[in-house]
């Protein structure tokens, strides 16, 4: 899951679109906010508090590519994605992203 920190004043959907480009070579448009996840609850109760916003995006251009921020790329089923060695917290957020993609998540999730 591409991700990163927002610049001061940068709208959250722009962060999602920029980070996807920087990390995957894909141009995307953020279409829906899937959820807002508090890092203290979802993966690290002892670190600084951050919020992770997960967006459902639509590819608008580009091609998957290695970047200076990635070592590999691919498309995965939910089961395949959860079996990968992922950054802390991704395993918690991935099921919500798949539910939104499949139309099984009616509203934004807050946790």
PDB file of N, CA and C in Angstrom:
ATOM      1  N   UNK A   1       0.849  -1.173   0.000  1.00  0.00           N
ATOM      2  CA  UNK A   1       0.000   0.000   0.000  1.00  0.00           C
ATOM      3  C   UNK A   1       0.889   1.229   0.000  1.00  0.00           C
ATOM      4  N   UNK A   2       0.856   2.011  -1.053  1.00  0.00           N
ATOM      5  CA  UNK A   2       1.644   3.236  -1.057  1.00  0.00           C
ATOM      6  C   UNK A   2       1.184   4.164   0.068  1.00  0.00           C
ATOM      7  N   UNK A   3       2.102   4.919   0.593  1.00  0.00           N
ATOM      8  CA  UNK A   3       1.726   5.856   1.648  1.00  0.00           C
ATOM      9  C   UNK A   3       2.866   6.786   1.988  1.00  0.00           C
ATOM     10  N   UNK A   4       2.530   7.813   2.724  1.00  0.00           N
ATOM     11  CA  UNK A   4       3.553   8.756   3.137  1.00  0.00           C
ATOM     12  C   UNK A   4       2.946   9.915   3.893  1.00  0.00           C
ATOM     13  N   UNK A   5       3.790  10.844   4.211  1.00  0.00           N
ATOM     14  CA  UNK A   5       3.384  11.990   5.013  1.00  0.00           C
ATOM     15  C   UNK A   5       2.908  13.139   4.134  1.00  0.00           C
ATOM     16  N   UNK A   6       1.958  13.879   4.663  1.00  0.00           N
ATOM     17  CA  UNK A   6       1.434  15.046   3.963  1.00  0.00           C
ATOM     18  C   UNK A   6       2.364  16.239   4.149  1.00  0.00           C
ATOM     19  N   UNK A   7       2.425  17.064   3.138  1.00  0.00           N
ATOM     20  CA  UNK A   7       3.099  18.344   3.260  1.00  0.00           C
ATOM     21  C   UNK A   7       2.123  19.300   3.952  1.00  0.00           C
ATOM     22  N   UNK A   8       2.632  20.322   4.613  1.00  0.00           N
ATOM     23  CA  UNK A   8       1.769  21.286   5.284  1.00  0.00           C
ATOM     24  C   UNK A   8       0.790  21.876   4.273  1.00  0.00           C
ATOM     25  N   UNK A   9      -0.499  21.813   4.597  1.00  0.00           N
ATOM     26  CA  UNK A   9      -1.528  22.372   3.733  1.00  0.00           C
ATOM     27  C   UNK A   9      -1.971  21.488   2.581  1.00  0.00           C
ATOM     28  N   UNK A  10      -1.369  20.319   2.422  1.00  0.00           N
ATOM     29  CA  UNK A  10      -1.706  19.431   1.305  1.00  0.00           C
ATOM     30  C   UNK A  10      -2.984  18.644   1.620  1.00  0.00           C
ATOM     31  N   UNK A  11      -3.983  18.703   0.767  1.00  0.00           N
ATOM     32  CA  UNK A  11      -5.209  17.939   1.006  1.00  0.00           C
ATOM     33  C   UNK A  11      -4.927  16.434   1.025  1.00  0.00           C
ATOM     34  N   UNK A  12      -5.596  15.689   1.904  1.00  0.00           N
ATOM     35  CA  UNK A  12      -5.331  14.252   2.022  1.00  0.00           C
ATOM     36  C   UNK A  12      -5.439  13.467   0.726  1.00  0.00           C
ATOM     37  N   UNK A  13      -6.444  13.772  -0.115  1.00  0.00           N
ATOM     38  CA  UNK A  13      -6.558  13.004  -1.363  1.00  0.00           C
ATOM     39  C   UNK A  13      -5.366  13.270  -2.281  1.00  0.00           C
ATOM     40  N   UNK A  14      -4.804  14.466  -2.232  1.00  0.00           N
ATOM     41  CA  UNK A  14      -3.603  14.761  -3.029  1.00  0.00           C
ATOM     42  C   UNK A  14      -2.409  13.954  -2.531  1.00  0.00           C
ATOM     43  N   UNK A  15      -2.324  13.764  -1.224  1.00  0.00           N
ATOM     44  CA  UNK A  15      -1.232  12.955  -0.661  1.00  0.00           C
ATOM     45  C   UNK A  15      -1.314  11.536  -1.220  1.00  0.00           C
ATOM     46  N   UNK A  16      -2.506  10.957  -1.203  1.00  0.00           N
ATOM     47  CA  UNK A  16      -2.687   9.597  -1.716  1.00  0.00           C
ATOM     48  C   UNK A  16      -2.276   9.511  -3.187  1.00  0.00           C
ATOM     49  N   UNK A  17      -2.694  10.471  -3.975  1.00  0.00           N
ATOM     50  CA  UNK A  17      -2.371  10.466  -5.403  1.00  0.00           C
ATOM     51  C   UNK A  17      -0.873  10.664  -5.637  1.00  0.00           C
ATOM     52  N   UNK A  18      -0.257  11.585  -4.899  1.00  0.00           N
ATOM     53  CA  UNK A  18       1.177  11.846  -5.053  1.00  0.00           C
ATOM     54  C   UNK A  18       2.013  10.637  -4.628  1.00  0.00           C
ATOM     55  N   UNK A  19       1.656  10.061  -3.482  1.00  0.00           N
ATOM     56  CA  UNK A  19       2.421   8.919  -2.984  1.00  0.00           C
ATOM     57  C   UNK A  19       2.295   7.708  -3.901  1.00  0.00           C
ATOM     58  N   UNK A  20       1.116   7.494  -4.462  1.00  0.00           N
ATOM     59  CA  UNK A  20       0.966   6.390  -5.418  1.00  0.00           C
ATOM     60  C   UNK A  20       1.901   6.589  -6.609  1.00  0.00           C
ATOM     61  N   UNK A  21       1.964   7.811  -7.115  1.00  0.00           N
ATOM     62  CA  UNK A  21       2.856   8.121  -8.245  1.00  0.00           C
ATOM     63  C   UNK A  21       4.313   7.908  -7.852  1.00  0.00           C
ATOM     64  N   UNK A  22       4.712   8.468  -6.705  1.00  0.00           N
ATOM     65  CA  UNK A  22       6.110   8.387  -6.284  1.00  0.00           C
ATOM     66  C   UNK A  22       6.557   6.948  -6.018  1.00  0.00           C
ATOM     67  N   UNK A  23       5.649   6.121  -5.519  1.00  0.00           N
ATOM     68  CA  UNK A  23       6.037   4.780  -5.103  1.00  0.00           C
ATOM     69  C   UNK A  23       5.741   3.685  -6.115  1.00  0.00           C
ATOM     70  N   UNK A  24       4.863   3.953  -7.090  1.00  0.00           N
ATOM     71  CA  UNK A  24       4.486   2.878  -8.017  1.00  0.00           C
ATOM     72  C   UNK A  24       4.615   3.233  -9.487  1.00  0.00           C
ATOM     73  N   UNK A  25       4.719   4.525  -9.811  1.00  0.00           N
ATOM     74  CA  UNK A  25       4.717   4.935 -11.205  1.00  0.00           C
ATOM     75  C   UNK A  25       3.322   5.033 -11.792  1.00  0.00           C
ATOM     76  N   UNK A  26       2.293   4.823 -10.968  1.00  0.00           N
ATOM     77  CA  UNK A  26       0.908   4.895 -11.438  1.00  0.00           C
ATOM     78  C   UNK A  26       0.296   6.240 -11.095  1.00  0.00           C
ATOM     79  N   UNK A  27      -0.421   6.805 -12.045  1.00  0.00           N
ATOM     80  CA  UNK A  27      -1.226   7.997 -11.789  1.00  0.00           C
ATOM     81  C   UNK A  27      -2.597   7.502 -11.350  1.00  0.00           C
ATOM     82  N   UNK A  28      -3.079   8.032 -10.242  1.00  0.00           N
ATOM     83  CA  UNK A  28      -4.376   7.611  -9.728  1.00  0.00           C
ATOM     84  C   UNK A  28      -5.198   8.823  -9.322  1.00  0.00           C
ATOM     85  N   UNK A  29      -6.513   8.598  -9.231  1.00  0.00           N
ATOM     86  CA  UNK A  29      -7.434   9.592  -8.693  1.00  0.00           C
ATOM     87  C   UNK A  29      -8.083   8.967  -7.462  1.00  0.00           C
ATOM     88  N   UNK A  30      -7.965   9.640  -6.319  1.00  0.00           N
ATOM     89  CA  UNK A  30      -8.609   9.162  -5.094  1.00  0.00           C
ATOM     90  C   UNK A  30     -10.111   9.319  -5.257  1.00  0.00           C
ATOM     91  N   UNK A  31     -10.845   8.223  -5.129  1.00  0.00           N
ATOM     92  CA  UNK A  31     -12.289   8.224  -5.369  1.00  0.00           C
ATOM     93  C   UNK A  31     -13.110   8.148  -4.082  1.00  0.00           C
ATOM     94  N   UNK A  32     -12.554   7.537  -3.050  1.00  0.00           N
ATOM     95  CA  UNK A  32     -13.335   7.331  -1.835  1.00  0.00           C
ATOM     96  C   UNK A  32     -12.411   7.143  -0.646  1.00  0.00           C
ATOM     97  N   UNK A  33     -12.749   7.786   0.459  1.00  0.00           N
ATOM     98  CA  UNK A  33     -12.043   7.565   1.704  1.00  0.00           C
ATOM     99  C   UNK A  33     -12.581   6.276   2.313  1.00  0.00           C
ATOM    100  N   UNK A  34     -11.706   5.292   2.474  1.00  0.00           N
ATOM    101  CA  UNK A  34     -12.089   4.001   3.033  1.00  0.00           C
ATOM    102  C   UNK A  34     -12.130   4.081   4.550  1.00  0.00           C
ATOM    103  N   UNK A  35     -11.091   4.667   5.138  1.00  0.00           N
ATOM    104  CA  UNK A  35     -11.045   4.714   6.590  1.00  0.00           C
ATOM    105  C   UNK A  35      -9.959   5.618   7.111  1.00  0.00           C
ATOM    106  N   UNK A  36     -10.111   5.968   8.381  1.00  0.00           N
ATOM    107  CA  UNK A  36      -9.126   6.751   9.115  1.00  0.00           C
ATOM    108  C   UNK A  36      -8.683   5.880  10.286  1.00  0.00           C
ATOM    109  N   UNK A  37      -7.395   5.582  10.347  1.00  0.00           N
ATOM    110  CA  UNK A  37      -6.875   4.638  11.317  1.00  0.00           C
ATOM    111  C   UNK A  37      -5.852   5.327  12.221  1.00  0.00           C
ATOM    112  N   UNK A  38      -6.035   5.196  13.512  1.00  0.00           N
ATOM    113  CA  UNK A  38      -5.144   5.773  14.524  1.00  0.00           C
ATOM    114  C   UNK A  38      -4.004   4.798  14.769  1.00  0.00           C
ATOM    115  N   UNK A  39      -2.785   5.228  14.559  1.00  0.00           N
ATOM    116  CA  UNK A  39      -1.631   4.339  14.708  1.00  0.00           C
ATOM    117  C   UNK A  39      -1.513   3.756  16.108  1.00  0.00           C
ATOM    118  N   UNK A  40      -1.978   4.467  17.120  1.00  0.00           N
ATOM    119  CA  UNK A  40      -1.865   3.954  18.484  1.00  0.00           C
ATOM    120  C   UNK A  40      -2.756   2.741  18.701  1.00  0.00           C
ATOM    121  N   UNK A  41      -3.816   2.641  17.926  1.00  0.00           N
ATOM    122  CA  UNK A  41      -4.742   1.520  18.068  1.00  0.00           C
ATOM    123  C   UNK A  41      -4.396   0.397  17.103  1.00  0.00           C
ATOM    124  N   UNK A  42      -4.076   0.749  15.877  1.00  0.00           N
ATOM    125  CA  UNK A  42      -3.928  -0.268  14.835  1.00  0.00           C
ATOM    126  C   UNK A  42      -2.552  -0.903  14.752  1.00  0.00           C
ATOM    127  N   UNK A  43      -1.510  -0.267  15.321  1.00  0.00           N
ATOM    128  CA  UNK A  43      -0.235  -0.960  15.222  1.00  0.00           C
ATOM    129  C   UNK A  43       0.840  -0.527  16.197  1.00  0.00           C
ATOM    130  N   UNK A  44       0.777   0.598  16.819  1.00  0.00           N
ATOM    131  CA  UNK A  44       1.902   1.001  17.657  1.00  0.00           C
ATOM    132  C   UNK A  44       1.467   1.899  18.812  1.00  0.00           C
ATOM    133  N   UNK A  45       1.056   1.308  19.916  1.00  0.00           N
ATOM    134  CA  UNK A  45       0.583   2.130  21.032  1.00  0.00           C
ATOM    135  C   UNK A  45       1.678   2.965  21.698  1.00  0.00           C
ATOM    136  N   UNK A  46       2.933   2.716  21.374  1.00  0.00           N
ATOM    137  CA  UNK A  46       4.023   3.419  22.055  1.00  0.00           C
ATOM    138  C   UNK A  46       4.717   4.471  21.205  1.00  0.00           C
ATOM    139  N   UNK A  47       4.316   4.621  19.951  1.00  0.00           N
ATOM    140  CA  UNK A  47       4.978   5.604  19.089  1.00  0.00           C
ATOM    141  C   UNK A  47       4.163   6.893  19.053  1.00  0.00           C
ATOM    142  N   UNK A  48       4.687   7.860  18.368  1.00  0.00           N
ATOM    143  CA  UNK A  48       3.950   9.108  18.181  1.00  0.00           C
ATOM    144  C   UNK A  48       2.645   8.804  17.459  1.00  0.00           C
ATOM    145  N   UNK A  49       1.621   9.532  17.784  1.00  0.00           N
ATOM    146  CA  UNK A  49       0.323   9.307  17.164  1.00  0.00           C
ATOM    147  C   UNK A  49       0.304   9.860  15.745  1.00  0.00           C
ATOM    148  N   UNK A  50      -0.119   9.022  14.814  1.00  0.00           N
ATOM    149  CA  UNK A  50      -0.343   9.445  13.443  1.00  0.00           C
ATOM    150  C   UNK A  50      -1.680   8.871  12.994  1.00  0.00           C
ATOM    151  N   UNK A  51      -2.274   9.513  11.999  1.00  0.00           N
ATOM    152  CA  UNK A  51      -3.500   8.997  11.407  1.00  0.00           C
ATOM    153  C   UNK A  51      -3.184   8.528  10.002  1.00  0.00           C
ATOM    154  N   UNK A  52      -3.680   7.358   9.675  1.00  0.00           N
ATOM    155  CA  UNK A  52      -3.494   6.778   8.347  1.00  0.00           C
ATOM    156  C   UNK A  52      -4.830   6.829   7.630  1.00  0.00           C
ATOM    157  N   UNK A  53      -4.871   7.562   6.529  1.00  0.00           N
ATOM    158  CA  UNK A  53      -6.088   7.664   5.730  1.00  0.00           C
ATOM    159  C   UNK A  53      -5.933   6.752   4.532  1.00  0.00           C
ATOM    160  N   UNK A  54      -6.865   5.843   4.360  1.00  0.00           N
ATOM    161  CA  UNK A  54      -6.827   4.887   3.256  1.00  0.00           C
ATOM    162  C   UNK A  54      -7.875   5.301   2.231  1.00  0.00           C
ATOM    163  N   UNK A  55      -7.436   5.464   0.994  1.00  0.00           N
ATOM    164  CA  UNK A  55      -8.328   5.854  -0.100  1.00  0.00           C
ATOM    165  C   UNK A  55      -8.439   4.738  -1.118  1.00  0.00           C
ATOM    166  N   UNK A  56      -9.620   4.590  -1.664  1.00  0.00           N
ATOM    167  CA  UNK A  56      -9.828   3.744  -2.822  1.00  0.00           C
ATOM    168  C   UNK A  56      -9.547   4.617  -4.036  1.00  0.00           C
ATOM    169  N   UNK A  57      -8.622   4.187  -4.892  1.00  0.00           N
ATOM    170  CA  UNK A  57      -8.194   5.008  -6.027  1.00  0.00           C
ATOM    171  C   UNK A  57      -8.453   4.298  -7.347  1.00  0.00           C
ATOM    172  N   UNK A  58      -8.536   5.084  -8.383  1.00  0.00           N
ATOM    173  CA  UNK A  58      -8.705   4.572  -9.739  1.00  0.00           C
ATOM    174  C   UNK A  58      -7.485   4.970 -10.559  1.00  0.00           C
ATOM    175  N   UNK A  59      -6.902   4.009 -11.263  1.00  0.00           N
ATOM    176  CA  UNK A  59      -5.748   4.312 -12.101  1.00  0.00           C
ATOM    177  C   UNK A  59      -6.167   5.179 -13.267  1.00  0.00           C
ATOM    178  N   UNK A  60      -5.410   6.262 -13.489  1.00  0.00           N
ATOM    179  CA  UNK A  60      -5.701   7.168 -14.596  1.00  0.00           C
ATOM    180  C   UNK A  60      -4.564   7.219 -15.612  1.00  0.00           C
ATOM    181  N   UNK A  61      -3.442   6.595 -15.304  1.00  0.00           N
ATOM    182  CA  UNK A  61      -2.308   6.602 -16.220  1.00  0.00           C
ATOM    183  C   UNK A  61      -1.107   5.939 -15.588  1.00  0.00           C
ATOM    184  N   UNK A  62      -0.007   6.008 -16.309  1.00  0.00           N
ATOM    185  CA  UNK A  62       1.237   5.435 -15.817  1.00  0.00           C
ATOM    186  C   UNK A  62       1.302   3.931 -15.974  1.00  0.00           C
ATOM    187  N   UNK A  63       2.452   3.394 -15.638  1.00  0.00           N
ATOM    188  CA  UNK A  63       2.701   1.960 -15.680  1.00  0.00           C
ATOM    189  C   UNK A  63       3.409   1.577 -14.391  1.00  0.00           C
ATOM    190  N   UNK A  64       3.105   0.395 -13.846  1.00  0.00           N
ATOM    191  CA  UNK A  64       3.818  -0.025 -12.634  1.00  0.00           C
ATOM    192  C   UNK A  64       5.320  -0.028 -12.891  1.00  0.00           C
ATOM    193  N   UNK A  65       6.065   0.527 -11.929  1.00  0.00           N
ATOM    194  CA  UNK A  65       7.511   0.629 -12.093  1.00  0.00           C
ATOM    195  C   UNK A  65       8.196   0.654 -10.730  1.00  0.00           C
ATOM    196  N   UNK A  66       9.423   0.178 -10.717  1.00  0.00           N
ATOM    197  CA  UNK A  66      10.238   0.325  -9.517  1.00  0.00           C
ATOM    198  C   UNK A  66      10.636   1.785  -9.392  1.00  0.00           C
ATOM    199  N   UNK A  67      10.650   2.271  -8.168  1.00  0.00           N
ATOM    200  CA  UNK A  67      11.064   3.648  -7.909  1.00  0.00           C
ATOM    201  C   UNK A  67      12.134   3.631  -6.832  1.00  0.00           C
ATOM    202  N   UNK A  68      12.602   4.810  -6.453  1.00  0.00           N
ATOM    203  CA  UNK A  68      13.603   4.859  -5.385  1.00  0.00           C
ATOM    204  C   UNK A  68      12.984   4.540  -4.022  1.00  0.00           C
ATOM    205  N   UNK A  69      11.664   4.318  -3.976  1.00  0.00           N
ATOM    206  CA  UNK A  69      10.989   3.990  -2.718  1.00  0.00           C
ATOM    207  C   UNK A  69      10.450   2.564  -2.688  1.00  0.00           C
ATOM    208  N   UNK A  70      10.697   1.786  -3.749  1.00  0.00           N
ATOM    209  CA  UNK A  70      10.180   0.422  -3.798  1.00  0.00           C
ATOM    210  C   UNK A  70      11.251  -0.564  -4.231  1.00  0.00           C
ATOM    211  N   UNK A  71      11.045  -1.815  -3.837  1.00  0.00           N
ATOM    212  CA  UNK A  71      11.955  -2.882  -4.254  1.00  0.00           C
ATOM    213  C   UNK A  71      11.239  -3.897  -5.144  1.00  0.00           C
ATOM    214  N   UNK A  72       9.889  -3.822  -5.162  1.00  0.00           N
ATOM    215  CA  UNK A  72       9.092  -4.720  -5.996  1.00  0.00           C
ATOM    216  C   UNK A  72       7.677  -4.152  -6.085  1.00  0.00           C
ATOM    217  N   UNK A  73       6.904  -4.662  -7.015  1.00  0.00           N
ATOM    218  CA  UNK A  73       5.511  -4.252  -7.135  1.00  0.00           C
ATOM    219  C   UNK A  73       4.709  -5.412  -7.690  1.00  0.00           C
ATOM    220  N   UNK A  74       3.397  -5.321  -7.541  1.00  0.00           N
ATOM    221  CA  UNK A  74       2.524  -6.345  -8.080  1.00  0.00           C
ATOM    222  C   UNK A  74       1.094  -6.102  -7.670  1.00  0.00           C
ATOM    223  N   UNK A  75       0.204  -6.881  -8.244  1.00  0.00           N
ATOM    224  CA  UNK A  75      -1.202  -6.875  -7.877  1.00  0.00           C
ATOM    225  C   UNK A  75      -1.467  -8.167  -7.132  1.00  0.00           C
ATOM    226  N   UNK A  76      -2.201  -8.082  -6.029  1.00  0.00           N
ATOM    227  CA  UNK A  76      -2.374  -9.223  -5.150  1.00  0.00           C
ATOM    228  C   UNK A  76      -3.821  -9.373  -4.726  1.00  0.00           C
ATOM    229  N   UNK A  77      -4.212 -10.617  -4.475  1.00  0.00           N
ATOM    230  CA  UNK A  77      -5.494 -10.860  -3.828  1.00  0.00           C
ATOM    231  C   UNK A  77      -5.333 -10.453  -2.364  1.00  0.00           C
ATOM    232  N   UNK A  78      -6.452 -10.374  -1.665  1.00  0.00           N
ATOM    233  CA  UNK A  78      -6.380 -10.033  -0.242  1.00  0.00           C
ATOM    234  C   UNK A  78      -5.531 -11.053   0.517  1.00  0.00           C
ATOM    235  N   UNK A  79      -5.728 -12.318   0.242  1.00  0.00           N
ATOM    236  CA  UNK A  79      -4.977 -13.365   0.935  1.00  0.00           C
ATOM    237  C   UNK A  79      -3.484 -13.271   0.630  1.00  0.00           C
ATOM    238  N   UNK A  80      -3.153 -13.039  -0.637  1.00  0.00           N
ATOM    239  CA  UNK A  80      -1.741 -12.895  -1.014  1.00  0.00           C
ATOM    240  C   UNK A  80      -1.120 -11.676  -0.346  1.00  0.00           C
ATOM    241  N   UNK A  81      -1.845 -10.568  -0.331  1.00  0.00           N
ATOM    242  CA  UNK A  81      -1.320  -9.339   0.276  1.00  0.00           C
ATOM    243  C   UNK A  81      -1.060  -9.533   1.761  1.00  0.00           C
ATOM    244  N   UNK A  82      -1.974 -10.182   2.446  1.00  0.00           N
ATOM    245  CA  UNK A  82      -1.818 -10.366   3.894  1.00  0.00           C
ATOM    246  C   UNK A  82      -0.709 -11.352   4.239  1.00  0.00           C
ATOM    247  N   UNK A  83      -0.288 -12.175   3.269  1.00  0.00           N
ATOM    248  CA  UNK A  83       0.802 -13.125   3.504  1.00  0.00           C
ATOM    249  C   UNK A  83       2.180 -12.498   3.280  1.00  0.00           C
ATOM    250  N   UNK A  84       2.219 -11.286   2.727  1.00  0.00           N
ATOM    251  CA  UNK A  84       3.493 -10.613   2.444  1.00  0.00           C
ATOM    252  C   UNK A  84       4.078  -9.998   3.714  1.00  0.00           C
ATOM    253  N   UNK A  85       5.398  -9.805   3.735  1.00  0.00           N
ATOM    254  CA  UNK A  85       6.009  -9.071   4.864  1.00  0.00           C
ATOM    255  C   UNK A  85       5.742  -7.579   4.671  1.00  0.00           C
ATOM    256  N   UNK A  86       4.760  -7.056   5.370  1.00  0.00           N
ATOM    257  CA  UNK A  86       4.303  -5.686   5.178  1.00  0.00           C
ATOM    258  C   UNK A  86       4.713  -4.783   6.331  1.00  0.00           C
ATOM    259  N   UNK A  87       4.660  -3.486   6.069  1.00  0.00           N
ATOM    260  CA  UNK A  87       4.869  -2.488   7.114  1.00  0.00           C
ATOM    261  C   UNK A  87       3.804  -2.674   8.185  1.00  0.00           C
ATOM    262  N   UNK A  88       4.176  -2.439   9.428  1.00  0.00           N
ATOM    263  CA  UNK A  88       3.232  -2.577  10.535  1.00  0.00           C
ATOM    264  C   UNK A  88       1.953  -1.779  10.256  1.00  0.00           C
ATOM    265  N   UNK A  89       0.838  -2.358  10.554  1.00  0.00           N
ATOM    266  CA  UNK A  89      -0.438  -1.690  10.372  1.00  0.00           C
ATOM    267  C   UNK A  89      -1.123  -1.996   9.052  1.00  0.00           C
ATOM    268  N   UNK A  90      -0.357  -2.338   8.024  1.00  0.00           N
ATOM    269  CA  UNK A  90      -0.986  -2.632   6.732  1.00  0.00           C
ATOM    270  C   UNK A  90      -1.929  -3.831   6.852  1.00  0.00           C
ATOM    271  N   UNK A  91      -1.524  -4.831   7.601  1.00  0.00           N
ATOM    272  CA  UNK A  91      -2.354  -6.020   7.760  1.00  0.00           C
ATOM    273  C   UNK A  91      -3.702  -5.708   8.371  1.00  0.00           C
ATOM    274  N   UNK A  92      -3.775  -4.662   9.148  1.00  0.00           N
ATOM    275  CA  UNK A  92      -5.042  -4.245   9.738  1.00  0.00           C
ATOM    276  C   UNK A  92      -5.888  -3.480   8.721  1.00  0.00           C
ATOM    277  N   UNK A  93      -5.258  -2.662   7.889  1.00  0.00           N
ATOM    278  CA  UNK A  93      -5.992  -1.792   6.970  1.00  0.00           C
ATOM    279  C   UNK A  93      -6.374  -2.469   5.653  1.00  0.00           C
ATOM    280  N   UNK A  94      -5.617  -3.435   5.206  1.00  0.00           N
ATOM    281  CA  UNK A  94      -5.866  -4.085   3.915  1.00  0.00           C
ATOM    282  C   UNK A  94      -7.276  -4.670   3.811  1.00  0.00           C
ATOM    283  N   UNK A  95      -7.785  -5.391   4.815  1.00  0.00           N
ATOM    284  CA  UNK A  95      -9.147  -5.932   4.679  1.00  0.00           C
ATOM    285  C   UNK A  95     -10.210  -4.855   4.444  1.00  0.00           C
ATOM    286  N   UNK A  96     -10.046  -3.693   5.039  1.00  0.00           N
ATOM    287  CA  UNK A  96     -11.012  -2.611   4.821  1.00  0.00           C
ATOM    288  C   UNK A  96     -10.939  -2.107   3.387  1.00  0.00           C
ATOM    289  N   UNK A  97      -9.736  -2.020   2.832  1.00  0.00           N
ATOM    290  CA  UNK A  97      -9.581  -1.583   1.444  1.00  0.00           C
ATOM    291  C   UNK A  97     -10.262  -2.569   0.496  1.00  0.00           C
ATOM    292  N   UNK A  98     -10.085  -3.865   0.741  1.00  0.00           N
ATOM    293  CA  UNK A  98     -10.727  -4.860  -0.119  1.00  0.00           C
ATOM    294  C   UNK A  98     -12.241  -4.824   0.035  1.00  0.00           C
ATOM    295  N   UNK A  99     -12.739  -4.627   1.249  1.00  0.00           N
ATOM    296  CA  UNK A  99     -14.188  -4.525   1.447  1.00  0.00           C
ATOM    297  C   UNK A  99     -14.749  -3.332   0.665  1.00  0.00           C
ATOM    298  N   UNK A 100     -14.061  -2.203   0.701  1.00  0.00           N
ATOM    299  CA  UNK A 100     -14.521  -1.024  -0.040  1.00  0.00           C
ATOM    300  C   UNK A 100     -14.492  -1.305  -1.542  1.00  0.00           C
ATOM    301  N   UNK A 101     -13.437  -1.936  -2.018  1.00  0.00           N
ATOM    302  CA  UNK A 101     -13.305  -2.248  -3.441  1.00  0.00           C
ATOM    303  C   UNK A 101     -14.443  -3.151  -3.910  1.00  0.00           C
ATOM    304  N   UNK A 102     -14.844  -4.106  -3.063  1.00  0.00           N
ATOM    305  CA  UNK A 102     -15.902  -5.059  -3.416  1.00  0.00           C
ATOM    306  C   UNK A 102     -17.302  -4.511  -3.135  1.00  0.00           C
ATOM    307  N   UNK A 103     -17.379  -3.278  -2.632  1.00  0.00           N
ATOM    308  CA  UNK A 103     -18.681  -2.680  -2.342  1.00  0.00           C
ATOM    309  C   UNK A 103     -19.300  -3.175  -1.051  1.00  0.00           C
ATOM    310  N   UNK A 104     -18.505  -3.749  -0.168  1.00  0.00           N
ATOM    311  CA  UNK A 104     -19.013  -4.303   1.084  1.00  0.00           C
ATOM    312  C   UNK A 104     -18.850  -3.356   2.265  1.00  0.00           C
ATOM    313  N   UNK A 105     -18.301  -2.190   2.039  1.00  0.00           N
ATOM    314  CA  UNK A 105     -18.103  -1.205   3.099  1.00  0.00           C
ATOM    315  C   UNK A 105     -18.921   0.020   2.721  1.00  0.00           C
ATOM    316  N   UNK A 106     -20.021   0.228   3.423  1.00  0.00           N
ATOM    317  CA  UNK A 106     -20.955   1.276   3.035  1.00  0.00           C
ATOM    318  C   UNK A 106     -20.503   2.683   3.393  1.00  0.00           C
ATOM    319  N   UNK A 107     -19.746   2.822   4.452  1.00  0.00           N
ATOM    320  CA  UNK A 107     -19.304   4.149   4.852  1.00  0.00           C
ATOM    321  C   UNK A 107     -17.859   4.090   5.320  1.00  0.00           C
ATOM    322  N   UNK A 108     -17.280   5.260   5.488  1.00  0.00           N
ATOM    323  CA  UNK A 108     -15.900   5.376   5.925  1.00  0.00           C
ATOM    324  C   UNK A 108     -15.755   4.764   7.321  1.00  0.00           C
ATOM    325  N   UNK A 109     -14.669   4.056   7.527  1.00  0.00           N
ATOM    326  CA  UNK A 109     -14.407   3.407   8.801  1.00  0.00           C
ATOM    327  C   UNK A 109     -13.442   4.245   9.628  1.00  0.00           C
ATOM    328  N   UNK A 110     -13.749   4.429  10.891  1.00  0.00           N
ATOM    329  CA  UNK A 110     -12.857   5.169  11.806  1.00  0.00           C
ATOM    330  C   UNK A 110     -12.407   4.238  12.910  1.00  0.00           C
ATOM    331  N   UNK A 111     -11.098   4.103  13.058  1.00  0.00           N
ATOM    332  CA  UNK A 111     -10.562   3.279  14.145  1.00  0.00           C
ATOM    333  C   UNK A 111      -9.219   3.801  14.584  1.00  0.00           C
TER     334      UNK A 111
END
